N, C-alpha and C. Protein backbone atom coordinates (compact mmCIF):
# COMPACT_ATOMS: atom_id res chain seq x y z
N UNK A 1 -13.97 46.52 19.54
CA UNK A 1 -14.55 45.59 18.67
C UNK A 1 -13.93 45.15 17.95
N UNK A 2 -13.34 45.96 17.63
CA UNK A 2 -12.32 45.49 16.42
C UNK A 2 -11.29 44.30 16.54
N UNK A 3 -10.52 44.57 18.08
CA UNK A 3 -10.17 43.36 18.33
C UNK A 3 -10.97 42.17 18.67
N UNK A 4 -11.50 42.37 19.04
CA UNK A 4 -12.77 40.96 19.11
C UNK A 4 -12.88 40.28 18.17
N UNK A 5 -12.99 41.10 17.10
CA UNK A 5 -12.93 40.38 15.90
C UNK A 5 -12.07 40.02 15.36
N UNK A 6 -10.94 40.42 15.61
CA UNK A 6 -9.64 39.90 14.64
C UNK A 6 -9.19 38.59 15.87
N UNK A 7 -9.80 38.55 16.96
CA UNK A 7 -9.53 37.38 18.00
C UNK A 7 -10.36 36.17 17.58
N UNK A 8 -11.64 37.06 17.12
CA UNK A 8 -12.41 35.54 16.31
C UNK A 8 -11.95 35.02 15.40
N UNK A 9 -11.70 36.45 14.32
CA UNK A 9 -10.94 35.40 13.00
C UNK A 9 -10.06 34.58 13.25
N UNK A 10 -9.19 35.30 13.76
CA UNK A 10 -7.91 33.94 14.01
C UNK A 10 -8.31 32.82 15.02
N UNK A 11 -9.42 32.94 15.53
CA UNK A 11 -9.81 31.42 16.31
C UNK A 11 -10.41 30.66 15.03
N UNK A 12 -10.94 31.29 14.03
CA UNK A 12 -11.89 30.73 13.45
C UNK A 12 -10.85 29.79 12.46
N UNK A 13 -9.86 30.98 12.08
CA UNK A 13 -8.60 30.47 11.28
C UNK A 13 -7.95 29.11 11.74
N UNK A 14 -7.65 29.51 12.94
CA UNK A 14 -7.20 28.15 13.62
C UNK A 14 -7.73 26.74 13.93
N UNK A 15 -9.15 26.97 13.87
CA UNK A 15 -9.85 26.02 13.81
C UNK A 15 -10.24 25.38 12.41
N UNK A 16 -10.33 26.14 11.26
CA UNK A 16 -10.19 25.32 9.87
C UNK A 16 -8.99 24.88 9.85
N UNK A 17 -7.70 25.64 10.04
CA UNK A 17 -6.50 24.80 9.86
C UNK A 17 -6.35 23.55 10.86
N UNK A 18 -6.69 23.71 11.88
CA UNK A 18 -6.94 22.18 12.62
C UNK A 18 -7.87 21.13 11.77
N UNK A 19 -8.65 21.71 11.28
CA UNK A 19 -9.82 20.45 10.78
C UNK A 19 -9.37 19.89 9.13
N UNK A 20 -8.78 21.04 8.57
CA UNK A 20 -7.63 20.69 7.46
C UNK A 20 -6.73 19.63 7.94
N UNK A 21 -5.86 19.67 8.88
CA UNK A 21 -4.54 19.30 9.30
C UNK A 21 -4.89 17.64 10.06
N UNK A 22 -6.37 17.93 10.52
CA UNK A 22 -6.96 16.31 11.14
C UNK A 22 -7.24 15.14 9.92
N UNK A 23 -7.63 16.11 8.91
CA UNK A 23 -8.26 15.41 7.26
C UNK A 23 -7.26 14.77 6.54
N UNK A 24 -5.92 15.55 6.62
CA UNK A 24 -5.05 14.98 5.94
C UNK A 24 -4.42 14.10 6.68
N UNK A 25 -4.62 13.92 8.11
CA UNK A 25 -3.56 12.93 8.95
C UNK A 25 -4.52 11.33 8.70
N UNK A 26 -6.13 11.68 8.82
CA UNK A 26 -6.71 10.44 8.95
C UNK A 26 -6.88 9.77 7.48
N UNK A 27 -6.66 10.65 6.26
CA UNK A 27 -6.68 10.02 4.87
C UNK A 27 -5.36 9.40 4.99
N UNK A 28 -4.10 10.13 5.63
CA UNK A 28 -2.76 9.48 5.66
C UNK A 28 -2.55 8.02 6.25
N UNK A 29 -3.89 7.75 7.05
CA UNK A 29 -4.15 6.25 7.55
C UNK A 29 -4.10 5.13 6.45
N UNK A 30 -4.52 5.78 4.95
CA UNK A 30 -5.27 4.92 3.99
C UNK A 30 -4.09 4.51 3.56
N UNK A 31 -3.54 3.12 3.54
CA UNK A 31 -2.44 2.52 2.48
C UNK A 31 -2.73 2.41 1.06
N UNK A 32 -3.74 2.83 0.57
CA UNK A 32 -4.04 2.62 -0.80
C UNK A 32 -4.15 3.84 -1.68
N UNK A 33 -3.61 5.21 -1.06
CA UNK A 33 -3.67 6.21 -1.57
C UNK A 33 -2.69 6.53 -3.16
N UNK A 34 -1.72 5.76 -2.88
CA UNK A 34 -0.93 5.91 -4.01
C UNK A 34 -0.36 4.63 -4.25
N UNK A 35 0.22 4.01 -5.24
CA UNK A 35 0.98 2.81 -5.84
C UNK A 35 1.62 2.38 -5.00
N UNK A 36 2.77 3.27 -4.33
CA UNK A 36 3.98 2.82 -3.55
C UNK A 36 2.94 2.70 -2.63
N UNK A 37 2.30 3.30 -1.66
CA UNK A 37 1.84 2.91 -0.48
C UNK A 37 1.06 1.83 -0.39
N UNK A 38 0.21 1.82 -1.62
CA UNK A 38 -0.24 0.21 -1.67
C UNK A 38 0.65 -0.75 -1.92
N UNK A 39 1.40 -0.77 -2.68
CA UNK A 39 2.76 -1.64 -2.60
C UNK A 39 3.32 -2.23 -1.64
N UNK A 40 3.87 -0.92 -0.76
CA UNK A 40 4.61 -1.14 0.44
C UNK A 40 3.87 -1.78 1.33
N UNK A 41 2.58 -1.46 1.69
CA UNK A 41 1.54 -1.93 2.32
C UNK A 41 1.39 -3.48 2.42
N UNK A 42 0.77 -3.96 0.99
CA UNK A 42 0.72 -5.17 0.44
C UNK A 42 2.19 -6.22 1.10
N UNK A 43 3.15 -5.67 0.61
CA UNK A 43 4.48 -6.66 0.85
C UNK A 43 4.95 -6.75 2.24
N UNK A 44 4.69 -5.55 3.14
CA UNK A 44 4.51 -5.79 4.22
C UNK A 44 3.80 -6.55 5.36
N UNK A 45 2.22 -6.27 4.52
CA UNK A 45 1.29 -7.69 5.42
C UNK A 45 1.86 -8.77 4.99
N UNK A 46 2.03 -9.28 3.58
CA UNK A 46 2.82 -10.44 3.12
C UNK A 46 3.94 -10.91 4.13
N UNK A 47 4.82 -10.24 4.43
CA UNK A 47 5.73 -11.10 4.90
C UNK A 47 6.07 -10.48 6.41
N UNK A 48 4.50 -10.23 7.23
CA UNK A 48 4.40 -10.26 8.40
C UNK A 48 3.38 -11.40 8.70
N UNK A 49 3.29 -12.31 7.39
CA UNK A 49 2.13 -13.31 7.87
C UNK A 49 0.63 -13.09 7.55
N UNK A 50 0.05 -11.62 7.48
CA UNK A 50 -0.58 -11.08 7.18
C UNK A 50 -1.94 -11.06 6.44
N UNK A 51 -2.01 -12.36 5.69
CA UNK A 51 -2.34 -12.87 4.94
C UNK A 51 -4.09 -12.22 4.15
N UNK A 52 -4.53 -12.05 5.35
CA UNK A 52 -6.01 -11.52 4.83
C UNK A 52 -5.53 -10.24 4.39
N UNK A 53 -4.97 -9.34 4.76
CA UNK A 53 -4.49 -7.79 4.29
C UNK A 53 -4.03 -7.41 3.20
N UNK A 54 -3.04 -8.69 2.88
CA UNK A 54 -2.47 -8.80 1.67
C UNK A 54 -3.69 -8.81 0.57
N UNK A 55 -4.22 -9.99 0.93
CA UNK A 55 -5.72 -10.59 -0.46
C UNK A 55 -6.40 -9.40 -0.48
N UNK A 56 -6.65 -8.02 1.06
CA UNK A 56 -7.37 -7.36 0.71
C UNK A 56 -6.73 -5.98 -0.05
N UNK A 57 -5.24 -6.25 -0.36
CA UNK A 57 -4.84 -5.61 -0.91
C UNK A 57 -4.88 -5.47 -2.61
N UNK A 58 -5.64 -7.01 -2.95
CA UNK A 58 -5.40 -7.41 -4.54
C UNK A 58 -6.49 -6.68 -5.41
N UNK A 59 -6.70 -6.11 -6.33
CA UNK A 59 -7.61 -5.90 -7.24
C UNK A 59 -8.58 -6.85 -7.34
N UNK A 60 -9.97 -6.48 -7.11
CA UNK A 60 -11.14 -7.71 -7.82
C UNK A 60 -10.97 -6.93 -9.36
N UNK A 61 -10.88 -8.22 -10.03
CA UNK A 61 -10.78 -7.94 -11.20
C UNK A 61 -12.17 -8.56 -12.06
N UNK A 62 -12.36 -7.96 -13.58
CA UNK A 62 -13.82 -8.28 -14.11
C UNK A 62 -13.99 -9.90 -14.21
N UNK A 63 -12.79 -10.69 -14.19
CA UNK A 63 -12.97 -12.34 -14.18
C UNK A 63 -12.98 -12.89 -13.23
N UNK A 64 -13.01 -12.33 -11.96
CA UNK A 64 -13.43 -12.61 -10.73
C UNK A 64 -11.83 -13.27 -10.25
N UNK A 65 -11.58 -13.46 -8.56
CA UNK A 65 -10.59 -14.02 -8.63
C UNK A 65 -9.91 -15.34 -8.90
N UNK A 66 -8.37 -15.11 -9.22
CA UNK A 66 -8.09 -16.36 -9.92
C UNK A 66 -8.25 -17.54 -8.67
N UNK A 67 -8.13 -17.66 -7.30
CA UNK A 67 -8.33 -18.59 -6.68
C UNK A 67 -9.27 -17.85 -5.43
N UNK A 68 -9.87 -18.93 -4.78
CA UNK A 68 -10.92 -18.44 -3.68
C UNK A 68 -9.73 -18.10 -2.35
N UNK A 69 -10.28 -17.52 -1.51
CA UNK A 69 -9.41 -16.55 -0.60
C UNK A 69 -8.86 -17.98 0.40
N UNK A 70 -9.52 -18.95 0.74
CA UNK A 70 -8.96 -19.91 1.33
C UNK A 70 -7.34 -20.28 0.82
N UNK A 71 -7.77 -20.97 -0.57
CA UNK A 71 -6.87 -21.50 -1.77
C UNK A 71 -5.59 -19.81 -1.86
N UNK A 72 -5.74 -18.82 -1.63
CA UNK A 72 -4.90 -18.14 -1.86
C UNK A 72 -3.81 -17.78 -0.47
N UNK A 73 -4.54 -18.10 0.61
CA UNK A 73 -3.62 -17.99 1.70
C UNK A 73 -2.98 -18.88 1.95
N UNK A 74 -3.29 -20.05 1.65
CA UNK A 74 -2.58 -21.45 1.45
C UNK A 74 -1.38 -21.18 0.76
N UNK A 75 -1.31 -20.68 -0.47
CA UNK A 75 -0.40 -20.18 -1.54
C UNK A 75 0.21 -19.43 -1.03
N UNK A 76 0.03 -18.20 -0.31
CA UNK A 76 0.69 -17.39 -0.12
C UNK A 76 1.98 -17.78 1.24
N UNK A 77 1.38 -18.62 2.19
CA UNK A 77 2.02 -19.31 3.02
C UNK A 77 2.97 -20.09 2.73
N UNK A 78 2.79 -20.81 1.66
CA UNK A 78 3.72 -21.45 1.26
C UNK A 78 4.75 -20.99 0.20
N UNK A 79 4.43 -19.85 0.00
CA UNK A 79 5.74 -18.99 -0.85
C UNK A 79 6.30 -18.27 0.31
N UNK A 80 5.82 -17.62 1.23
CA UNK A 80 6.63 -17.12 2.19
C UNK A 80 7.38 -17.95 3.32
N UNK A 81 6.90 -19.17 3.43
CA UNK A 81 7.66 -20.06 4.04
C UNK A 81 8.87 -20.66 3.46
N UNK A 82 8.59 -20.67 1.86
CA UNK A 82 9.68 -21.11 0.95
C UNK A 82 10.70 -20.04 0.71
N UNK A 83 10.56 -18.96 0.62
CA UNK A 83 11.15 -17.62 0.84
C UNK A 83 12.02 -17.38 1.80
N UNK A 84 11.39 -17.52 3.40
CA UNK A 84 12.40 -17.51 4.16
C UNK A 84 12.87 -18.49 4.78
N UNK A 85 13.04 -20.05 4.21
CA UNK A 85 14.23 -20.76 4.30
C UNK A 85 14.49 -20.54 3.41
N UNK A 86 14.66 -20.05 2.17
CA UNK A 86 15.74 -20.02 1.17
C UNK A 86 16.52 -18.31 1.55
N UNK A 87 16.08 -17.51 1.72
CA UNK A 87 16.95 -16.26 2.26
C UNK A 87 16.84 -15.22 3.31
N UNK A 88 15.73 -16.13 4.23
CA UNK A 88 15.59 -15.52 5.32
C UNK A 88 14.55 -14.73 5.28
N UNK A 89 14.05 -13.76 6.49
CA UNK A 89 13.09 -13.33 6.51
C UNK A 89 13.22 -11.81 5.58
N UNK A 90 12.35 -11.49 5.22
CA UNK A 90 12.35 -10.02 4.60
C UNK A 90 12.45 -8.85 5.50
N UNK A 91 13.35 -8.13 5.60
CA UNK A 91 13.19 -7.08 6.51
C UNK A 91 12.56 -5.58 6.08
N UNK A 92 12.60 -5.83 4.33
CA UNK A 92 12.23 -4.54 4.18
C UNK A 92 11.77 -4.56 2.91
N UNK A 93 11.44 -3.11 2.26
CA UNK A 93 10.77 -3.47 1.03
C UNK A 93 11.36 -1.67 0.72
N UNK A 94 11.79 -1.48 -0.16
CA UNK A 94 12.12 -0.37 -0.85
C UNK A 94 11.59 0.13 -2.13
N UNK A 95 10.63 0.82 -2.39
CA UNK A 95 10.56 1.44 -3.69
C UNK A 95 11.51 2.23 -4.27
N UNK A 96 11.84 2.01 -5.43
CA UNK A 96 12.79 2.18 -6.07
C UNK A 96 12.16 3.12 -7.37
N UNK A 97 11.39 2.72 -7.88
CA UNK A 97 10.90 3.46 -9.24
C UNK A 97 9.25 3.42 -9.58
N UNK A 98 8.53 4.28 -10.62
CA UNK A 98 7.46 3.79 -10.99
C UNK A 98 7.29 4.08 -12.27
N UNK A 99 6.66 3.25 -13.30
CA UNK A 99 6.24 3.54 -14.44
C UNK A 99 4.80 3.70 -14.69
N UNK A 100 4.43 4.95 -15.06
CA UNK A 100 2.63 5.19 -15.25
C UNK A 100 2.55 4.21 -16.49
N UNK A 101 1.53 3.62 -16.76
CA UNK A 101 1.16 2.90 -18.08
C UNK A 101 -0.03 3.96 -18.61
N UNK A 102 -0.85 3.92 -17.76
CA UNK A 102 -1.90 4.84 -17.78
C UNK A 102 -2.42 5.60 -16.48
N UNK A 103 -3.34 6.15 -16.36
CA UNK A 103 -4.16 6.81 -15.37
C UNK A 103 -4.27 6.00 -13.97
N UNK A 104 -4.54 4.77 -14.64
CA UNK A 104 -5.03 3.97 -13.58
C UNK A 104 -4.57 2.76 -13.39
N UNK A 105 -3.04 2.50 -14.18
CA UNK A 105 -2.34 1.71 -14.02
C UNK A 105 -0.46 1.67 -13.99
N UNK A 106 -0.23 1.30 -13.05
CA UNK A 106 1.07 1.89 -12.68
C UNK A 106 2.49 0.79 -12.17
N UNK A 107 3.24 0.47 -12.76
CA UNK A 107 4.16 -0.73 -12.20
C UNK A 107 5.19 0.11 -11.36
N UNK A 108 5.28 -0.66 -10.41
CA UNK A 108 6.09 -0.22 -9.44
C UNK A 108 7.35 -1.25 -9.12
N UNK A 109 8.49 -0.44 -9.47
CA UNK A 109 9.64 -1.23 -9.11
C UNK A 109 10.14 -0.97 -7.65
N UNK A 110 10.45 -2.29 -7.04
CA UNK A 110 10.85 -2.09 -5.71
C UNK A 110 12.31 -3.35 -5.11
N UNK A 111 12.83 -2.92 -4.00
CA UNK A 111 13.87 -3.96 -3.68
C UNK A 111 13.25 -4.62 -2.63
N UNK A 112 13.43 -5.73 -2.42
CA UNK A 112 13.01 -6.85 -0.86
C UNK A 112 14.69 -7.17 -0.58
N UNK A 113 14.63 -6.50 0.85
CA UNK A 113 16.03 -6.72 1.17
C UNK A 113 15.28 -7.64 2.51
N UNK A 114 16.76 -8.87 2.52
CA UNK A 114 16.40 -10.16 3.35
C UNK A 114 17.42 -10.37 4.20
N UNK A 115 17.25 -10.83 5.46
CA UNK A 115 17.81 -10.84 6.44
C UNK A 115 19.52 -11.54 6.01
N UNK A 116 19.61 -12.26 5.02
CA UNK A 116 21.07 -12.64 4.51
C UNK A 116 21.73 -12.00 3.97
N UNK A 117 21.12 -10.69 3.96
CA UNK A 117 22.26 -9.59 3.29
C UNK A 117 21.95 -9.19 1.44
N UNK A 118 20.87 -10.19 1.22
CA UNK A 118 20.31 -10.25 -0.18
C UNK A 118 19.52 -9.04 -0.57
N UNK A 119 19.66 -8.48 -1.41
CA UNK A 119 18.55 -7.50 -1.95
C UNK A 119 18.04 -8.00 -3.49
N UNK A 120 16.74 -8.09 -3.49
CA UNK A 120 16.18 -8.26 -4.87
C UNK A 120 15.26 -7.51 -5.54
N UNK A 121 15.52 -7.20 -6.73
CA UNK A 121 14.81 -6.03 -7.52
C UNK A 121 13.24 -6.71 -8.35
N UNK A 122 12.35 -6.27 -8.10
CA UNK A 122 11.33 -6.73 -8.40
C UNK A 122 10.47 -5.63 -9.28
N UNK A 123 9.17 -6.30 -9.61
CA UNK A 123 8.13 -5.55 -9.99
C UNK A 123 7.12 -5.63 -9.82
N UNK A 124 5.79 -4.41 -9.77
CA UNK A 124 4.41 -5.33 -9.63
C UNK A 124 3.64 -4.24 -10.11
N UNK A 125 2.57 -4.48 -10.90
CA UNK A 125 1.59 -3.65 -11.43
C UNK A 125 0.57 -3.28 -10.42
N UNK A 126 0.14 -2.26 -10.20
CA UNK A 126 -0.63 -1.53 -9.30
C UNK A 126 -1.79 -0.95 -10.32
N UNK A 127 -3.21 -1.11 -9.63
CA UNK A 127 -4.16 -0.42 -10.76
C UNK A 127 -4.86 0.29 -9.66
N UNK A 128 -5.57 1.47 -10.36
CA UNK A 128 -6.64 2.13 -9.21
C UNK A 128 -8.11 1.64 -9.62
N UNK A 129 -8.65 1.21 -8.43
CA UNK A 129 -9.92 0.79 -8.43
C UNK A 129 -11.14 1.15 -7.47
N UNK A 130 -11.77 1.83 -7.60
CA UNK A 130 -12.87 2.64 -6.96
C UNK A 130 -12.11 3.64 -6.19
N UNK A 131 -10.90 4.06 -6.61
CA UNK A 131 -10.32 5.53 -5.93
C UNK A 131 -9.32 4.82 -5.10
N UNK A 132 -8.80 3.77 -5.19
CA UNK A 132 -8.15 3.19 -4.13
C UNK A 132 -7.01 2.33 -5.11
N UNK A 133 -5.57 2.09 -4.85
CA UNK A 133 -4.85 1.77 -5.44
C UNK A 133 -4.59 0.23 -4.97
N UNK A 134 -4.38 -0.80 -5.76
CA UNK A 134 -4.49 -2.15 -5.30
C UNK A 134 -3.75 -2.76 -6.36
N UNK A 135 -3.38 -4.16 -5.79
CA UNK A 135 -1.98 -4.97 -6.71
C UNK A 135 -3.08 -5.62 -7.76
N UNK A 136 -2.45 -5.49 -9.12
CA UNK A 136 -2.82 -6.47 -9.86
C UNK A 136 -1.98 -7.51 -10.54
N UNK A 137 -2.59 -8.82 -10.04
CA UNK A 137 -2.12 -10.18 -10.14
C UNK A 137 -2.29 -10.51 -11.55
N UNK A 138 -2.87 -9.97 -12.04
CA UNK A 138 -3.09 -10.61 -13.66
C UNK A 138 -2.25 -10.16 -14.63
N UNK A 139 -1.68 -10.44 -15.77
CA UNK A 139 -1.08 -9.37 -16.49
C UNK A 139 -1.81 -8.60 -17.65
């Protein structure tokens, strides 16, 4: 009987461990969990011409959107096309550092790596909104 209890306890422990592992891996699919992953996801989306995903990565601020979604898509497309014409495609984004301004506002410093071999350092404010980190486009 003691052996059955031990096996049962081990089985329950294994199921609990498996459940926690599944929850962690499912949560890991959310690109908005940290300022770094939010910025990385947004910029990867932007330079992959997935403007809808980029726009969803932008914080909705109290004053409302800066532009309508259709205008924003056009502006993003023009920006990416001009960048690609000048420097080539973006091969990757490397987060370099962060500076915490408050509990809900962080500046993320990053490198954009272009096909022409140029690496450009930049920064972006990222804010926590409803438990998710989103790009803050206003100063």
